[in-house]
């Protein structure tokens, strides 16, 4: 059975769970520190949106599906040796994408704060990031 016909026969909850598990599986190919950060973020986001109104559910699924597709392309190109490396810096040039300024201009204040917190988690050592957050 191909994935597209399987997805069309799933209800919404099953599709959300499928996407969630697919993202976590993609994260397994990341260096451990990026995997841990990514898994934590994904868990938090999916939990926050469990009972979201329908007008938020569609865009949420579209954006996370785009993330999964883009990450799958990047993981496919990620050298095997890098997947066992602990360095975020080495993976930074391979994993991820720049945010388009037009998208950032449409972010809410809460989304901008979340983006800042995520950037700090990626680029600041834990002790440094915690002291700035206090």
N, C-alpha and C. Protein backbone atom coordinates (compact mmCIF):
# COMPACT_ATOMS: atom_id res chain seq x y z
N UNK A 1 0.85 -1.18 0.00
CA UNK A 1 0.00 0.00 0.00
C UNK A 1 0.89 1.24 0.00
N UNK A 2 0.64 2.19 -0.89
CA UNK A 2 1.44 3.40 -0.91
C UNK A 2 0.98 4.35 0.19
N UNK A 3 1.88 5.24 0.59
CA UNK A 3 1.60 6.12 1.73
C UNK A 3 0.41 7.04 1.47
N UNK A 4 0.27 7.53 0.24
CA UNK A 4 -0.81 8.48 -0.03
C UNK A 4 -2.18 7.83 0.09
N UNK A 5 -2.34 6.61 -0.40
CA UNK A 5 -3.64 5.95 -0.26
C UNK A 5 -3.89 5.56 1.18
N UNK A 6 -2.84 5.22 1.91
CA UNK A 6 -2.98 4.90 3.33
C UNK A 6 -3.39 6.12 4.13
N UNK A 7 -2.80 7.27 3.82
CA UNK A 7 -3.13 8.51 4.54
C UNK A 7 -4.56 8.94 4.28
N UNK A 8 -5.05 8.76 3.06
CA UNK A 8 -6.41 9.20 2.75
C UNK A 8 -7.46 8.38 3.49
N UNK A 9 -7.12 7.16 3.87
CA UNK A 9 -8.08 6.34 4.60
C UNK A 9 -8.02 6.56 6.11
N UNK A 10 -7.07 7.38 6.57
CA UNK A 10 -6.95 7.66 8.01
C UNK A 10 -7.85 8.82 8.41
N UNK A 11 -8.30 8.78 9.67
CA UNK A 11 -9.02 9.94 10.19
C UNK A 11 -8.00 10.99 10.61
N UNK A 12 -8.47 12.16 11.01
CA UNK A 12 -7.57 13.26 11.33
C UNK A 12 -6.59 12.88 12.44
N UNK A 13 -7.07 12.29 13.50
CA UNK A 13 -6.20 11.91 14.61
C UNK A 13 -5.11 10.94 14.19
N UNK A 14 -5.44 10.02 13.32
CA UNK A 14 -4.45 9.06 12.83
C UNK A 14 -3.40 9.75 11.96
N UNK A 15 -3.84 10.73 11.15
CA UNK A 15 -2.88 11.47 10.32
C UNK A 15 -1.93 12.30 11.19
N UNK A 16 -2.46 12.91 12.25
CA UNK A 16 -1.61 13.68 13.16
C UNK A 16 -0.58 12.77 13.80
N UNK A 17 -1.03 11.63 14.29
CA UNK A 17 -0.11 10.67 14.94
C UNK A 17 0.94 10.17 13.94
N UNK A 18 0.52 9.89 12.71
CA UNK A 18 1.44 9.43 11.67
C UNK A 18 2.53 10.47 11.41
N UNK A 19 2.12 11.74 11.28
CA UNK A 19 3.08 12.82 11.04
C UNK A 19 4.02 12.97 12.22
N UNK A 20 3.48 12.95 13.42
CA UNK A 20 4.28 13.07 14.64
C UNK A 20 5.35 11.98 14.69
N UNK A 21 4.94 10.75 14.46
CA UNK A 21 5.89 9.63 14.52
C UNK A 21 6.91 9.70 13.38
N UNK A 22 6.48 10.16 12.21
CA UNK A 22 7.41 10.30 11.08
C UNK A 22 8.48 11.33 11.40
N UNK A 23 8.09 12.43 12.03
CA UNK A 23 9.07 13.46 12.39
C UNK A 23 10.05 12.92 13.42
N UNK A 24 9.55 12.24 14.43
CA UNK A 24 10.45 11.67 15.44
C UNK A 24 11.41 10.66 14.81
N UNK A 25 10.92 9.91 13.85
CA UNK A 25 11.79 8.95 13.16
C UNK A 25 12.86 9.68 12.35
N UNK A 26 12.51 10.76 11.70
CA UNK A 26 13.50 11.55 10.96
C UNK A 26 14.55 12.13 11.91
N UNK A 27 14.13 12.52 13.09
CA UNK A 27 15.06 13.08 14.07
C UNK A 27 16.13 12.07 14.50
N UNK A 28 15.86 10.79 14.35
CA UNK A 28 16.85 9.77 14.73
C UNK A 28 18.13 9.89 13.93
N UNK A 29 18.05 10.49 12.75
CA UNK A 29 19.24 10.64 11.90
C UNK A 29 20.08 11.87 12.29
N UNK A 30 19.56 12.69 13.18
CA UNK A 30 20.27 13.91 13.58
C UNK A 30 21.31 13.62 14.65
N UNK A 31 22.30 14.50 14.78
CA UNK A 31 23.24 14.38 15.90
C UNK A 31 22.44 14.42 17.21
N UNK A 32 22.91 13.72 18.24
CA UNK A 32 22.14 13.59 19.48
C UNK A 32 21.64 14.90 20.08
N UNK A 33 22.44 15.95 20.09
CA UNK A 33 21.99 17.20 20.70
C UNK A 33 20.87 17.85 19.89
N UNK A 34 20.94 17.78 18.56
CA UNK A 34 19.86 18.30 17.73
C UNK A 34 18.61 17.43 17.84
N UNK A 35 18.81 16.12 17.90
CA UNK A 35 17.69 15.19 18.04
C UNK A 35 16.91 15.48 19.32
N UNK A 36 17.64 15.65 20.43
CA UNK A 36 16.99 15.92 21.71
C UNK A 36 16.20 17.22 21.67
N UNK A 37 16.81 18.26 21.14
CA UNK A 37 16.14 19.55 21.03
C UNK A 37 14.92 19.46 20.11
N UNK A 38 15.09 18.82 18.97
CA UNK A 38 13.98 18.68 18.02
C UNK A 38 12.83 17.87 18.58
N UNK A 39 13.14 16.76 19.24
CA UNK A 39 12.08 15.93 19.82
C UNK A 39 11.30 16.69 20.89
N UNK A 40 12.01 17.43 21.71
CA UNK A 40 11.36 18.21 22.77
C UNK A 40 10.42 19.24 22.16
N UNK A 41 10.90 19.95 21.15
CA UNK A 41 10.09 20.99 20.50
C UNK A 41 8.86 20.38 19.83
N UNK A 42 9.04 19.28 19.12
CA UNK A 42 7.92 18.63 18.43
C UNK A 42 6.88 18.16 19.43
N UNK A 43 7.33 17.52 20.51
CA UNK A 43 6.37 17.06 21.54
C UNK A 43 5.56 18.22 22.09
N UNK A 44 6.24 19.31 22.42
CA UNK A 44 5.54 20.48 22.98
C UNK A 44 4.53 21.05 21.99
N UNK A 45 4.93 21.19 20.74
CA UNK A 45 4.04 21.77 19.74
C UNK A 45 2.82 20.89 19.47
N UNK A 46 3.03 19.59 19.34
CA UNK A 46 1.90 18.71 19.08
C UNK A 46 0.97 18.66 20.29
N UNK A 47 1.51 18.69 21.49
CA UNK A 47 0.66 18.73 22.70
C UNK A 47 -0.16 20.02 22.75
N UNK A 48 0.47 21.14 22.42
CA UNK A 48 -0.24 22.43 22.45
C UNK A 48 -1.41 22.44 21.48
N UNK A 49 -1.29 21.72 20.39
CA UNK A 49 -2.31 21.78 19.34
C UNK A 49 -3.29 20.61 19.35
N UNK A 50 -3.26 19.81 20.41
CA UNK A 50 -4.17 18.66 20.48
C UNK A 50 -5.63 19.10 20.34
N UNK A 51 -6.00 20.15 21.03
CA UNK A 51 -7.40 20.59 21.02
C UNK A 51 -7.57 21.93 20.31
N UNK A 52 -6.75 22.17 19.32
CA UNK A 52 -6.84 23.43 18.57
C UNK A 52 -8.11 23.48 17.73
N UNK A 53 -8.64 24.68 17.52
CA UNK A 53 -9.78 24.82 16.63
C UNK A 53 -9.39 24.47 15.19
N UNK A 54 -10.35 24.04 14.39
CA UNK A 54 -10.05 23.61 13.02
C UNK A 54 -9.29 24.63 12.18
N UNK A 55 -9.51 25.92 12.41
CA UNK A 55 -8.80 26.92 11.58
C UNK A 55 -7.30 26.92 11.83
N UNK A 56 -6.85 26.35 12.95
CA UNK A 56 -5.42 26.25 13.23
C UNK A 56 -4.86 24.88 12.86
N UNK A 57 -5.71 23.88 12.83
CA UNK A 57 -5.27 22.51 12.58
C UNK A 57 -4.72 22.33 11.17
N UNK A 58 -5.40 22.88 10.18
CA UNK A 58 -4.94 22.74 8.79
C UNK A 58 -3.56 23.33 8.57
N UNK A 59 -3.38 24.62 8.91
CA UNK A 59 -2.05 25.22 8.74
C UNK A 59 -0.97 24.51 9.56
N UNK A 60 -1.33 24.06 10.75
CA UNK A 60 -0.39 23.34 11.60
C UNK A 60 0.11 22.08 10.89
N UNK A 61 -0.81 21.30 10.34
CA UNK A 61 -0.44 20.07 9.65
C UNK A 61 0.35 20.37 8.37
N UNK A 62 -0.02 21.40 7.65
CA UNK A 62 0.69 21.76 6.42
C UNK A 62 2.13 22.13 6.74
N UNK A 63 2.33 22.99 7.73
CA UNK A 63 3.69 23.44 8.06
C UNK A 63 4.55 22.30 8.60
N UNK A 64 3.98 21.45 9.45
CA UNK A 64 4.77 20.33 9.96
C UNK A 64 5.04 19.30 8.87
N UNK A 65 4.13 19.16 7.92
CA UNK A 65 4.38 18.26 6.78
C UNK A 65 5.51 18.81 5.92
N UNK A 66 5.53 20.12 5.71
CA UNK A 66 6.63 20.74 4.96
C UNK A 66 7.95 20.51 5.68
N UNK A 67 7.92 20.67 7.00
CA UNK A 67 9.13 20.43 7.80
C UNK A 67 9.61 18.99 7.59
N UNK A 68 8.69 18.03 7.66
CA UNK A 68 9.07 16.63 7.51
C UNK A 68 9.65 16.35 6.13
N UNK A 69 9.06 16.91 5.10
CA UNK A 69 9.56 16.71 3.74
C UNK A 69 10.95 17.32 3.60
N UNK A 70 11.12 18.55 4.06
CA UNK A 70 12.42 19.22 3.96
C UNK A 70 13.48 18.48 4.77
N UNK A 71 13.13 18.07 5.98
CA UNK A 71 14.08 17.35 6.82
C UNK A 71 14.45 16.01 6.20
N UNK A 72 13.49 15.34 5.58
CA UNK A 72 13.81 14.04 4.96
C UNK A 72 14.82 14.22 3.83
N UNK A 73 14.71 15.31 3.08
CA UNK A 73 15.70 15.60 2.02
C UNK A 73 17.07 15.86 2.63
N UNK A 74 17.10 16.63 3.71
CA UNK A 74 18.37 16.97 4.34
C UNK A 74 19.01 15.75 5.01
N UNK A 75 18.20 14.94 5.64
CA UNK A 75 18.71 13.73 6.30
C UNK A 75 19.28 12.77 5.26
N UNK A 76 18.61 12.69 4.13
CA UNK A 76 19.09 11.81 3.06
C UNK A 76 20.49 12.23 2.61
N UNK A 77 20.75 13.54 2.63
CA UNK A 77 22.04 14.05 2.20
C UNK A 77 23.06 14.16 3.34
N UNK A 78 22.64 13.89 4.54
CA UNK A 78 23.52 14.00 5.70
C UNK A 78 24.52 12.84 5.71
N UNK A 79 25.80 13.15 5.74
CA UNK A 79 26.79 12.07 5.77
C UNK A 79 26.61 11.19 7.00
N UNK A 80 26.84 9.90 6.84
CA UNK A 80 26.68 8.95 7.95
C UNK A 80 27.54 9.32 9.14
N UNK A 81 28.74 9.73 8.91
CA UNK A 81 29.64 10.06 10.02
C UNK A 81 29.11 11.20 10.86
N UNK A 82 28.44 12.14 10.22
CA UNK A 82 27.92 13.29 10.95
C UNK A 82 26.79 12.90 11.89
N UNK A 83 26.03 11.88 11.54
CA UNK A 83 24.89 11.51 12.38
C UNK A 83 25.31 11.00 13.75
N UNK A 84 26.56 10.60 13.91
CA UNK A 84 27.04 10.17 15.22
C UNK A 84 27.86 11.25 15.91
N UNK A 85 28.11 12.35 15.24
CA UNK A 85 28.89 13.46 15.80
C UNK A 85 28.02 14.24 16.78
N UNK A 86 28.62 14.74 17.84
CA UNK A 86 27.90 15.50 18.86
C UNK A 86 27.80 16.99 18.51
N UNK A 87 28.39 17.42 17.42
CA UNK A 87 28.51 18.84 17.13
C UNK A 87 27.31 19.41 16.37
N UNK A 88 26.66 20.39 16.99
CA UNK A 88 25.58 21.10 16.32
C UNK A 88 26.15 21.94 15.19
N UNK A 89 27.35 22.51 15.40
CA UNK A 89 27.95 23.38 14.40
C UNK A 89 28.19 22.66 13.08
N UNK A 90 28.64 21.41 13.13
CA UNK A 90 28.89 20.67 11.89
C UNK A 90 27.59 20.41 11.15
N UNK A 91 26.53 20.13 11.88
CA UNK A 91 25.25 19.84 11.24
C UNK A 91 24.54 21.11 10.78
N UNK A 92 24.90 22.26 11.37
CA UNK A 92 24.19 23.51 11.07
C UNK A 92 24.23 23.86 9.59
N UNK A 93 25.31 23.54 8.91
CA UNK A 93 25.41 23.84 7.49
C UNK A 93 24.63 22.90 6.61
N UNK A 94 24.20 21.79 7.16
CA UNK A 94 23.51 20.76 6.38
C UNK A 94 22.03 20.70 6.74
N UNK A 95 21.73 20.80 8.02
CA UNK A 95 20.35 20.67 8.51
C UNK A 95 19.77 22.05 8.76
N UNK A 96 18.55 22.25 8.30
CA UNK A 96 17.85 23.50 8.55
C UNK A 96 17.74 24.36 7.31
N UNK A 97 17.02 25.45 7.45
CA UNK A 97 16.84 26.40 6.35
C UNK A 97 16.59 27.77 6.95
N UNK A 98 16.97 28.79 6.22
CA UNK A 98 16.72 30.16 6.67
C UNK A 98 15.23 30.45 6.57
N UNK A 99 14.74 31.23 7.52
CA UNK A 99 13.35 31.66 7.47
C UNK A 99 13.23 32.85 6.54
N UNK A 100 12.23 32.82 5.71
CA UNK A 100 11.95 33.91 4.80
C UNK A 100 11.45 35.11 5.61
N UNK A 101 11.99 36.29 5.33
CA UNK A 101 11.61 37.49 6.08
C UNK A 101 10.11 37.76 6.00
N UNK A 102 9.49 37.46 4.87
CA UNK A 102 8.05 37.71 4.75
C UNK A 102 7.25 36.83 5.72
N UNK A 103 7.74 35.63 6.00
CA UNK A 103 7.06 34.77 6.98
C UNK A 103 7.25 35.32 8.39
N UNK A 104 8.46 35.75 8.69
CA UNK A 104 8.74 36.29 10.03
C UNK A 104 7.87 37.52 10.30
N UNK A 105 7.64 38.33 9.28
CA UNK A 105 6.81 39.53 9.44
C UNK A 105 5.36 39.20 9.82
N UNK A 106 4.92 37.97 9.56
CA UNK A 106 3.56 37.56 9.89
C UNK A 106 3.48 36.79 11.21
N UNK A 107 4.60 36.61 11.88
CA UNK A 107 4.59 35.90 13.17
C UNK A 107 3.93 36.75 14.24
N UNK A 108 3.23 36.09 15.14
CA UNK A 108 2.67 36.78 16.31
C UNK A 108 3.81 37.02 17.31
N UNK A 109 3.53 37.83 18.31
CA UNK A 109 4.53 38.09 19.35
C UNK A 109 4.94 36.78 20.04
N UNK A 110 3.97 35.91 20.30
CA UNK A 110 4.27 34.63 20.95
C UNK A 110 5.17 33.77 20.06
N UNK A 111 4.92 33.78 18.76
CA UNK A 111 5.75 33.00 17.84
C UNK A 111 7.16 33.55 17.78
N UNK A 112 7.29 34.87 17.81
CA UNK A 112 8.62 35.48 17.81
C UNK A 112 9.39 35.13 19.08
N UNK A 113 8.71 35.12 20.22
CA UNK A 113 9.34 34.74 21.48
C UNK A 113 9.78 33.28 21.43
N UNK A 114 8.94 32.44 20.85
CA UNK A 114 9.27 31.02 20.73
C UNK A 114 10.47 30.83 19.81
N UNK A 115 10.52 31.57 18.73
CA UNK A 115 11.65 31.51 17.80
C UNK A 115 12.94 31.94 18.49
N UNK A 116 12.87 32.99 19.28
CA UNK A 116 14.03 33.47 20.02
C UNK A 116 14.50 32.41 21.02
N UNK A 117 13.57 31.80 21.73
CA UNK A 117 13.92 30.75 22.70
C UNK A 117 14.57 29.56 22.00
N UNK A 118 14.05 29.20 20.84
CA UNK A 118 14.62 28.09 20.08
C UNK A 118 16.02 28.44 19.59
N UNK A 119 16.22 29.65 19.11
CA UNK A 119 17.55 30.08 18.66
C UNK A 119 18.54 30.05 19.81
N UNK A 120 18.12 30.51 20.99
CA UNK A 120 19.00 30.47 22.16
C UNK A 120 19.36 29.03 22.52
N UNK A 121 18.38 28.14 22.46
CA UNK A 121 18.63 26.73 22.79
C UNK A 121 19.63 26.11 21.83
N UNK A 122 19.59 26.52 20.58
CA UNK A 122 20.50 25.97 19.58
C UNK A 122 21.89 26.57 19.70
N UNK A 123 21.97 27.87 19.88
CA UNK A 123 23.25 28.57 19.78
C UNK A 123 23.95 28.88 21.10
N UNK A 124 23.27 28.72 22.22
CA UNK A 124 23.88 29.04 23.53
C UNK A 124 24.04 27.77 24.34
N UNK A 125 25.18 27.61 25.00
CA UNK A 125 25.33 26.47 25.91
C UNK A 125 24.24 26.55 26.99
N UNK A 126 23.81 25.41 27.54
CA UNK A 126 22.71 25.39 28.51
C UNK A 126 22.87 26.38 29.66
N UNK A 127 24.06 26.48 30.25
CA UNK A 127 24.24 27.40 31.37
C UNK A 127 24.08 28.85 30.93
N UNK A 128 24.55 29.16 29.73
CA UNK A 128 24.43 30.52 29.19
C UNK A 128 22.98 30.86 28.89
N UNK A 129 22.26 29.94 28.23
CA UNK A 129 20.86 30.17 27.88
C UNK A 129 19.98 30.31 29.10
N UNK A 130 20.27 29.54 30.17
CA UNK A 130 19.47 29.62 31.39
C UNK A 130 19.69 30.94 32.10
N UNK A 131 20.92 31.43 32.12
CA UNK A 131 21.18 32.69 32.82
C UNK A 131 20.54 33.87 32.10
N UNK A 132 20.44 33.80 30.77
CA UNK A 132 19.80 34.88 30.02
C UNK A 132 18.30 34.86 30.18
N UNK A 133 17.72 33.67 30.35
CA UNK A 133 16.28 33.55 30.47
C UNK A 133 15.79 34.04 31.82
N UNK A 134 16.66 34.05 32.82
CA UNK A 134 16.25 34.46 34.17
C UNK A 134 16.15 35.95 34.29
